[in-house]
């Protein structure tokens, strides 16, 4: 593993220690690694959502109206 030195405020240090004292994390490094993983996951989810939105925009306007979509959904779910 790589070693990294970071500078945080006293308030941030208190928060990190609180997370460790809660028993969720064994040390500062575990907490920081979890923050990085969470950030990576969030960024990946945002990228997937943006990609889906672009795909939807590029697909054009649907010729199906909302009433037909609702009827189809009710049929598929036996409602």
PDB file of N, CA and C in Angstrom:
ATOM      1  N   UNK A   1       0.830  -1.188   0.000  1.00  0.00           N
ATOM      2  CA  UNK A   1       0.000   0.000   0.000  1.00  0.00           C
ATOM      3  C   UNK A   1       0.870   1.245   0.000  1.00  0.00           C
ATOM      4  N   UNK A   2       0.326   2.260  -0.589  1.00  0.00           N
ATOM      5  CA  UNK A   2       1.014   3.549  -0.617  1.00  0.00           C
ATOM      6  C   UNK A   2       0.767   4.298   0.683  1.00  0.00           C
ATOM      7  N   UNK A   3       1.710   5.098   1.062  1.00  0.00           N
ATOM      8  CA  UNK A   3       1.583   5.915   2.273  1.00  0.00           C
ATOM      9  C   UNK A   3       1.378   7.355   1.845  1.00  0.00           C
ATOM     10  N   UNK A   4       0.454   8.062   2.508  1.00  0.00           N
ATOM     11  CA  UNK A   4       0.111   9.424   2.134  1.00  0.00           C
ATOM     12  C   UNK A   4      -0.069  10.243   3.398  1.00  0.00           C
ATOM     13  N   UNK A   5       0.433  11.456   3.384  1.00  0.00           N
ATOM     14  CA  UNK A   5       0.251  12.377   4.504  1.00  0.00           C
ATOM     15  C   UNK A   5      -0.785  13.407   4.089  1.00  0.00           C
ATOM     16  N   UNK A   6      -1.795  13.611   4.932  1.00  0.00           N
ATOM     17  CA  UNK A   6      -2.816  14.611   4.635  1.00  0.00           C
ATOM     18  C   UNK A   6      -2.947  15.570   5.812  1.00  0.00           C
ATOM     19  N   UNK A   7      -3.462  16.750   5.531  1.00  0.00           N
ATOM     20  CA  UNK A   7      -3.700  17.745   6.568  1.00  0.00           C
ATOM     21  C   UNK A   7      -5.200  17.973   6.664  1.00  0.00           C
ATOM     22  N   UNK A   8      -5.727  17.876   7.885  1.00  0.00           N
ATOM     23  CA  UNK A   8      -7.152  18.116   8.106  1.00  0.00           C
ATOM     24  C   UNK A   8      -7.316  19.088   9.268  1.00  0.00           C
ATOM     25  N   UNK A   9      -8.490  19.677   9.351  1.00  0.00           N
ATOM     26  CA  UNK A   9      -8.757  20.620  10.436  1.00  0.00           C
ATOM     27  C   UNK A   9      -8.992  19.862  11.737  1.00  0.00           C
ATOM     28  N   UNK A  10      -8.983  20.588  12.839  1.00  0.00           N
ATOM     29  CA  UNK A  10      -9.253  19.976  14.146  1.00  0.00           C
ATOM     30  C   UNK A  10     -10.667  19.400  14.176  1.00  0.00           C
ATOM     31  N   UNK A  11     -11.599  20.102  13.552  1.00  0.00           N
ATOM     32  CA  UNK A  11     -12.985  19.629  13.509  1.00  0.00           C
ATOM     33  C   UNK A  11     -13.081  18.322  12.716  1.00  0.00           C
ATOM     34  N   UNK A  12     -12.370  18.243  11.606  1.00  0.00           N
ATOM     35  CA  UNK A  12     -12.353  17.018  10.814  1.00  0.00           C
ATOM     36  C   UNK A  12     -11.693  15.878  11.582  1.00  0.00           C
ATOM     37  N   UNK A  13     -10.627  16.183  12.294  1.00  0.00           N
ATOM     38  CA  UNK A  13      -9.945  15.167  13.117  1.00  0.00           C
ATOM     39  C   UNK A  13     -10.892  14.628  14.177  1.00  0.00           C
ATOM     40  N   UNK A  14     -11.663  15.517  14.795  1.00  0.00           N
ATOM     41  CA  UNK A  14     -12.640  15.085  15.803  1.00  0.00           C
ATOM     42  C   UNK A  14     -13.667  14.155  15.179  1.00  0.00           C
ATOM     43  N   UNK A  15     -14.095  14.487  13.975  1.00  0.00           N
ATOM     44  CA  UNK A  15     -15.085  13.652  13.285  1.00  0.00           C
ATOM     45  C   UNK A  15     -14.508  12.264  12.981  1.00  0.00           C
ATOM     46  N   UNK A  16     -13.275  12.227  12.495  1.00  0.00           N
ATOM     47  CA  UNK A  16     -12.629  10.952  12.195  1.00  0.00           C
ATOM     48  C   UNK A  16     -12.520  10.112  13.462  1.00  0.00           C
ATOM     49  N   UNK A  17     -12.080  10.728  14.546  1.00  0.00           N
ATOM     50  CA  UNK A  17     -11.943   9.999  15.813  1.00  0.00           C
ATOM     51  C   UNK A  17     -13.297   9.487  16.299  1.00  0.00           C
ATOM     52  N   UNK A  18     -14.343  10.277  16.104  1.00  0.00           N
ATOM     53  CA  UNK A  18     -15.693   9.862  16.490  1.00  0.00           C
ATOM     54  C   UNK A  18     -16.104   8.610  15.717  1.00  0.00           C
ATOM     55  N   UNK A  19     -15.781   8.573  14.424  1.00  0.00           N
ATOM     56  CA  UNK A  19     -16.114   7.406  13.610  1.00  0.00           C
ATOM     57  C   UNK A  19     -15.349   6.171  14.085  1.00  0.00           C
ATOM     58  N   UNK A  20     -14.100   6.365  14.443  1.00  0.00           N
ATOM     59  CA  UNK A  20     -13.284   5.249  14.941  1.00  0.00           C
ATOM     60  C   UNK A  20     -13.802   4.781  16.292  1.00  0.00           C
ATOM     61  N   UNK A  21     -14.104   5.728  17.178  1.00  0.00           N
ATOM     62  CA  UNK A  21     -14.602   5.380  18.513  1.00  0.00           C
ATOM     63  C   UNK A  21     -15.970   4.711  18.470  1.00  0.00           C
ATOM     64  N   UNK A  22     -16.714   4.922  17.385  1.00  0.00           N
ATOM     65  CA  UNK A  22     -18.027   4.281  17.257  1.00  0.00           C
ATOM     66  C   UNK A  22     -17.879   2.783  16.998  1.00  0.00           C
ATOM     67  N   UNK A  23     -16.673   2.363  16.640  1.00  0.00           N
ATOM     68  CA  UNK A  23     -16.420   0.954  16.389  1.00  0.00           C
ATOM     69  C   UNK A  23     -16.564   0.554  14.930  1.00  0.00           C
ATOM     70  N   UNK A  24     -16.958   1.494  14.083  1.00  0.00           N
ATOM     71  CA  UNK A  24     -17.116   1.175  12.666  1.00  0.00           C
ATOM     72  C   UNK A  24     -15.777   0.969  11.971  1.00  0.00           C
ATOM     73  N   UNK A  25     -14.765   1.658  12.449  1.00  0.00           N
ATOM     74  CA  UNK A  25     -13.447   1.620  11.815  1.00  0.00           C
ATOM     75  C   UNK A  25     -12.387   1.372  12.870  1.00  0.00           C
ATOM     76  N   UNK A  26     -11.332   0.677  12.472  1.00  0.00           N
ATOM     77  CA  UNK A  26     -10.262   0.376  13.405  1.00  0.00           C
ATOM     78  C   UNK A  26      -9.243   1.491  13.541  1.00  0.00           C
ATOM     79  N   UNK A  27      -9.128   2.308  12.488  1.00  0.00           N
ATOM     80  CA  UNK A  27      -8.149   3.397  12.513  1.00  0.00           C
ATOM     81  C   UNK A  27      -8.473   4.423  11.429  1.00  0.00           C
ATOM     82  N   UNK A  28      -7.673   5.482  11.408  1.00  0.00           N
ATOM     83  CA  UNK A  28      -7.886   6.567  10.441  1.00  0.00           C
ATOM     84  C   UNK A  28      -7.847   6.053   9.002  1.00  0.00           C
ATOM     85  N   UNK A  29      -6.905   5.186   8.717  1.00  0.00           N
ATOM     86  CA  UNK A  29      -6.735   4.686   7.350  1.00  0.00           C
ATOM     87  C   UNK A  29      -7.970   3.946   6.858  1.00  0.00           C
ATOM     88  N   UNK A  30      -8.561   3.125   7.712  1.00  0.00           N
ATOM     89  CA  UNK A  30      -9.773   2.406   7.318  1.00  0.00           C
ATOM     90  C   UNK A  30     -10.885   3.380   6.957  1.00  0.00           C
ATOM     91  N   UNK A  31     -11.029   4.424   7.756  1.00  0.00           N
ATOM     92  CA  UNK A  31     -12.073   5.418   7.504  1.00  0.00           C
ATOM     93  C   UNK A  31     -11.813   6.151   6.188  1.00  0.00           C
ATOM     94  N   UNK A  32     -10.588   6.579   5.960  1.00  0.00           N
ATOM     95  CA  UNK A  32     -10.246   7.300   4.731  1.00  0.00           C
ATOM     96  C   UNK A  32     -10.440   6.398   3.514  1.00  0.00           C
ATOM     97  N   UNK A  33     -10.025   5.131   3.607  1.00  0.00           N
ATOM     98  CA  UNK A  33     -10.228   4.202   2.488  1.00  0.00           C
ATOM     99  C   UNK A  33     -11.715   4.018   2.200  1.00  0.00           C
ATOM    100  N   UNK A  34     -12.532   3.961   3.261  1.00  0.00           N
ATOM    101  CA  UNK A  34     -13.978   3.832   3.073  1.00  0.00           C
ATOM    102  C   UNK A  34     -14.555   5.077   2.396  1.00  0.00           C
ATOM    103  N   UNK A  35     -14.081   6.252   2.785  1.00  0.00           N
ATOM    104  CA  UNK A  35     -14.522   7.488   2.130  1.00  0.00           C
ATOM    105  C   UNK A  35     -14.173   7.471   0.644  1.00  0.00           C
ATOM    106  N   UNK A  36     -12.980   7.009   0.325  1.00  0.00           N
ATOM    107  CA  UNK A  36     -12.549   6.953  -1.076  1.00  0.00           C
ATOM    108  C   UNK A  36     -13.413   5.966  -1.856  1.00  0.00           C
ATOM    109  N   UNK A  37     -13.664   4.784  -1.275  1.00  0.00           N
ATOM    110  CA  UNK A  37     -14.527   3.801  -1.941  1.00  0.00           C
ATOM    111  C   UNK A  37     -15.922   4.374  -2.172  1.00  0.00           C
ATOM    112  N   UNK A  38     -16.464   5.052  -1.162  1.00  0.00           N
ATOM    113  CA  UNK A  38     -17.795   5.658  -1.294  1.00  0.00           C
ATOM    114  C   UNK A  38     -17.806   6.702  -2.403  1.00  0.00           C
ATOM    115  N   UNK A  39     -16.766   7.511  -2.470  1.00  0.00           N
ATOM    116  CA  UNK A  39     -16.670   8.532  -3.508  1.00  0.00           C
ATOM    117  C   UNK A  39     -16.578   7.884  -4.888  1.00  0.00           C
ATOM    118  N   UNK A  40     -15.781   6.827  -4.999  1.00  0.00           N
ATOM    119  CA  UNK A  40     -15.657   6.127  -6.278  1.00  0.00           C
ATOM    120  C   UNK A  40     -17.004   5.546  -6.708  1.00  0.00           C
ATOM    121  N   UNK A  41     -17.710   4.918  -5.767  1.00  0.00           N
ATOM    122  CA  UNK A  41     -19.021   4.340  -6.076  1.00  0.00           C
ATOM    123  C   UNK A  41     -20.002   5.414  -6.524  1.00  0.00           C
ATOM    124  N   UNK A  42     -20.013   6.539  -5.821  1.00  0.00           N
ATOM    125  CA  UNK A  42     -20.922   7.626  -6.174  1.00  0.00           C
ATOM    126  C   UNK A  42     -20.603   8.168  -7.566  1.00  0.00           C
ATOM    127  N   UNK A  43     -19.327   8.357  -7.851  1.00  0.00           N
ATOM    128  CA  UNK A  43     -18.927   8.864  -9.169  1.00  0.00           C
ATOM    129  C   UNK A  43     -19.319   7.879 -10.273  1.00  0.00           C
ATOM    130  N   UNK A  44     -19.156   6.573 -10.013  1.00  0.00           N
ATOM    131  CA  UNK A  44     -19.548   5.558 -10.992  1.00  0.00           C
ATOM    132  C   UNK A  44     -21.054   5.586 -11.237  1.00  0.00           C
ATOM    133  N   UNK A  45     -21.839   5.716 -10.168  1.00  0.00           N
ATOM    134  CA  UNK A  45     -23.295   5.778 -10.311  1.00  0.00           C
ATOM    135  C   UNK A  45     -23.709   7.006 -11.110  1.00  0.00           C
ATOM    136  N   UNK A  46     -23.077   8.129 -10.841  1.00  0.00           N
ATOM    137  CA  UNK A  46     -23.384   9.361 -11.578  1.00  0.00           C
ATOM    138  C   UNK A  46     -23.035   9.189 -13.055  1.00  0.00           C
ATOM    139  N   UNK A  47     -21.893   8.583 -13.340  1.00  0.00           N
ATOM    140  CA  UNK A  47     -21.481   8.369 -14.733  1.00  0.00           C
ATOM    141  C   UNK A  47     -22.474   7.462 -15.460  1.00  0.00           C
ATOM    142  N   UNK A  48     -22.942   6.409 -14.788  1.00  0.00           N
ATOM    143  CA  UNK A  48     -23.926   5.514 -15.398  1.00  0.00           C
ATOM    144  C   UNK A  48     -25.238   6.241 -15.661  1.00  0.00           C
ATOM    145  N   UNK A  49     -25.664   7.053 -14.709  1.00  0.00           N
ATOM    146  CA  UNK A  49     -26.896   7.819 -14.870  1.00  0.00           C
ATOM    147  C   UNK A  49     -26.764   8.812 -16.023  1.00  0.00           C
ATOM    148  N   UNK A  50     -25.633   9.511 -16.082  1.00  0.00           N
ATOM    149  CA  UNK A  50     -25.415  10.459 -17.178  1.00  0.00           C
ATOM    150  C   UNK A  50     -25.425   9.747 -18.527  1.00  0.00           C
ATOM    151  N   UNK A  51     -24.819   8.582 -18.574  1.00  0.00           N
ATOM    152  CA  UNK A  51     -24.791   7.802 -19.809  1.00  0.00           C
ATOM    153  C   UNK A  51     -26.202   7.393 -20.220  1.00  0.00           C
ATOM    154  N   UNK A  52     -27.004   6.959 -19.255  1.00  0.00           N
ATOM    155  CA  UNK A  52     -28.387   6.571 -19.545  1.00  0.00           C
ATOM    156  C   UNK A  52     -29.204   7.767 -20.018  1.00  0.00           C
ATOM    157  N   UNK A  53     -28.978   8.924 -19.411  1.00  0.00           N
ATOM    158  CA  UNK A  53     -29.694  10.132 -19.830  1.00  0.00           C
ATOM    159  C   UNK A  53     -29.326  10.525 -21.258  1.00  0.00           C
ATOM    160  N   UNK A  54     -28.046  10.452 -21.573  1.00  0.00           N
ATOM    161  CA  UNK A  54     -27.598  10.777 -22.932  1.00  0.00           C
ATOM    162  C   UNK A  54     -28.191   9.793 -23.935  1.00  0.00           C
ATOM    163  N   UNK A  55     -28.191   8.516 -23.572  1.00  0.00           N
ATOM    164  CA  UNK A  55     -28.771   7.497 -24.450  1.00  0.00           C
ATOM    165  C   UNK A  55     -30.255   7.782 -24.685  1.00  0.00           C
ATOM    166  N   UNK A  56     -30.951   8.150 -23.610  1.00  0.00           N
ATOM    167  CA  UNK A  56     -32.370   8.477 -23.742  1.00  0.00           C
ATOM    168  C   UNK A  56     -32.599   9.689 -24.628  1.00  0.00           C
ATOM    169  N   UNK A  57     -31.797  10.718 -24.436  1.00  0.00           N
ATOM    170  CA  UNK A  57     -31.926  11.920 -25.261  1.00  0.00           C
ATOM    171  C   UNK A  57     -31.627  11.619 -26.726  1.00  0.00           C
ATOM    172  N   UNK A  58     -30.647  10.774 -26.966  1.00  0.00           N
ATOM    173  CA  UNK A  58     -30.259  10.439 -28.337  1.00  0.00           C
ATOM    174  C   UNK A  58     -31.252   9.508 -29.026  1.00  0.00           C
ATOM    175  N   UNK A  59     -32.106   8.849 -28.246  1.00  0.00           N
ATOM    176  CA  UNK A  59     -33.052   7.900 -28.835  1.00  0.00           C
ATOM    177  C   UNK A  59     -34.225   8.601 -29.511  1.00  0.00           C
ATOM    178  N   UNK A  60     -34.374   9.885 -29.257  1.00  0.00           N
ATOM    179  CA  UNK A  60     -35.444  10.636 -29.908  1.00  0.00           C
ATOM    180  C   UNK A  60     -36.731  10.609 -29.103  1.00  0.00           C
ATOM    181  N   UNK A  61     -37.744  11.214 -29.693  1.00  0.00           N
ATOM    182  CA  UNK A  61     -39.046  11.319 -29.027  1.00  0.00           C
ATOM    183  C   UNK A  61     -39.868  10.083 -29.346  1.00  0.00           C
ATOM    184  N   UNK A  62     -40.470   9.511 -28.319  1.00  0.00           N
ATOM    185  CA  UNK A  62     -41.290   8.320 -28.486  1.00  0.00           C
ATOM    186  C   UNK A  62     -42.599   8.668 -29.185  1.00  0.00           C
ATOM    187  N   UNK A  63     -43.075   7.745 -29.977  1.00  0.00           N
ATOM    188  CA  UNK A  63     -44.364   7.913 -30.648  1.00  0.00           C
ATOM    189  C   UNK A  63     -45.508   7.378 -29.789  1.00  0.00           C
ATOM    190  N   UNK A  64     -45.160   6.756 -28.660  1.00  0.00           N
ATOM    191  CA  UNK A  64     -46.167   6.189 -27.760  1.00  0.00           C
ATOM    192  C   UNK A  64     -46.582   7.265 -26.764  1.00  0.00           C
ATOM    193  N   UNK A  65     -47.894   7.406 -26.556  1.00  0.00           N
ATOM    194  CA  UNK A  65     -48.359   8.419 -25.600  1.00  0.00           C
ATOM    195  C   UNK A  65     -48.478   7.823 -24.198  1.00  0.00           C
ATOM    196  N   UNK A  66     -48.650   8.678 -23.213  1.00  0.00           N
ATOM    197  CA  UNK A  66     -48.688   8.242 -21.810  1.00  0.00           C
ATOM    198  C   UNK A  66     -49.845   7.286 -21.532  1.00  0.00           C
ATOM    199  N   UNK A  67     -50.975   7.501 -22.158  1.00  0.00           N
ATOM    200  CA  UNK A  67     -52.128   6.620 -21.940  1.00  0.00           C
ATOM    201  C   UNK A  67     -51.789   5.198 -22.377  1.00  0.00           C
ATOM    202  N   UNK A  68     -51.134   5.053 -23.525  1.00  0.00           N
ATOM    203  CA  UNK A  68     -50.749   3.724 -24.008  1.00  0.00           C
ATOM    204  C   UNK A  68     -49.688   3.084 -23.112  1.00  0.00           C
ATOM    205  N   UNK A  69     -48.775   3.882 -22.618  1.00  0.00           N
ATOM    206  CA  UNK A  69     -47.750   3.371 -21.697  1.00  0.00           C
ATOM    207  C   UNK A  69     -48.405   2.847 -20.429  1.00  0.00           C
ATOM    208  N   UNK A  70     -49.367   3.581 -19.902  1.00  0.00           N
ATOM    209  CA  UNK A  70     -50.079   3.166 -18.690  1.00  0.00           C
ATOM    210  C   UNK A  70     -50.860   1.879 -18.932  1.00  0.00           C
ATOM    211  N   UNK A  71     -51.549   1.781 -20.053  1.00  0.00           N
ATOM    212  CA  UNK A  71     -52.301   0.564 -20.384  1.00  0.00           C
ATOM    213  C   UNK A  71     -51.354  -0.624 -20.473  1.00  0.00           C
ATOM    214  N   UNK A  72     -50.233  -0.459 -21.146  1.00  0.00           N
ATOM    215  CA  UNK A  72     -49.251  -1.532 -21.284  1.00  0.00           C
ATOM    216  C   UNK A  72     -48.698  -1.961 -19.927  1.00  0.00           C
ATOM    217  N   UNK A  73     -48.391  -0.994 -19.073  1.00  0.00           N
ATOM    218  CA  UNK A  73     -47.856  -1.310 -17.740  1.00  0.00           C
ATOM    219  C   UNK A  73     -48.881  -2.079 -16.920  1.00  0.00           C
ATOM    220  N   UNK A  74     -50.134  -1.680 -16.996  1.00  0.00           N
ATOM    221  CA  UNK A  74     -51.192  -2.378 -16.244  1.00  0.00           C
ATOM    222  C   UNK A  74     -51.352  -3.808 -16.741  1.00  0.00           C
ATOM    223  N   UNK A  75     -51.256  -4.012 -18.043  1.00  0.00           N
ATOM    224  CA  UNK A  75     -51.354  -5.364 -18.604  1.00  0.00           C
ATOM    225  C   UNK A  75     -50.202  -6.236 -18.116  1.00  0.00           C
ATOM    226  N   UNK A  76     -48.989  -5.670 -18.124  1.00  0.00           N
ATOM    227  CA  UNK A  76     -47.813  -6.439 -17.706  1.00  0.00           C
ATOM    228  C   UNK A  76     -47.854  -6.813 -16.233  1.00  0.00           C
ATOM    229  N   UNK A  77     -48.520  -6.003 -15.431  1.00  0.00           N
ATOM    230  CA  UNK A  77     -48.567  -6.253 -13.987  1.00  0.00           C
ATOM    231  C   UNK A  77     -49.931  -6.756 -13.530  1.00  0.00           C
ATOM    232  N   UNK A  78     -50.751  -7.160 -14.488  1.00  0.00           N
ATOM    233  CA  UNK A  78     -52.085  -7.707 -14.192  1.00  0.00           C
ATOM    234  C   UNK A  78     -52.905  -6.808 -13.277  1.00  0.00           C
ATOM    235  N   UNK A  79     -52.913  -5.531 -13.581  1.00  0.00           N
ATOM    236  CA  UNK A  79     -53.671  -4.568 -12.772  1.00  0.00           C
ATOM    237  C   UNK A  79     -54.920  -4.170 -13.509  1.00  0.00           C
TER     238      UNK A  79
END
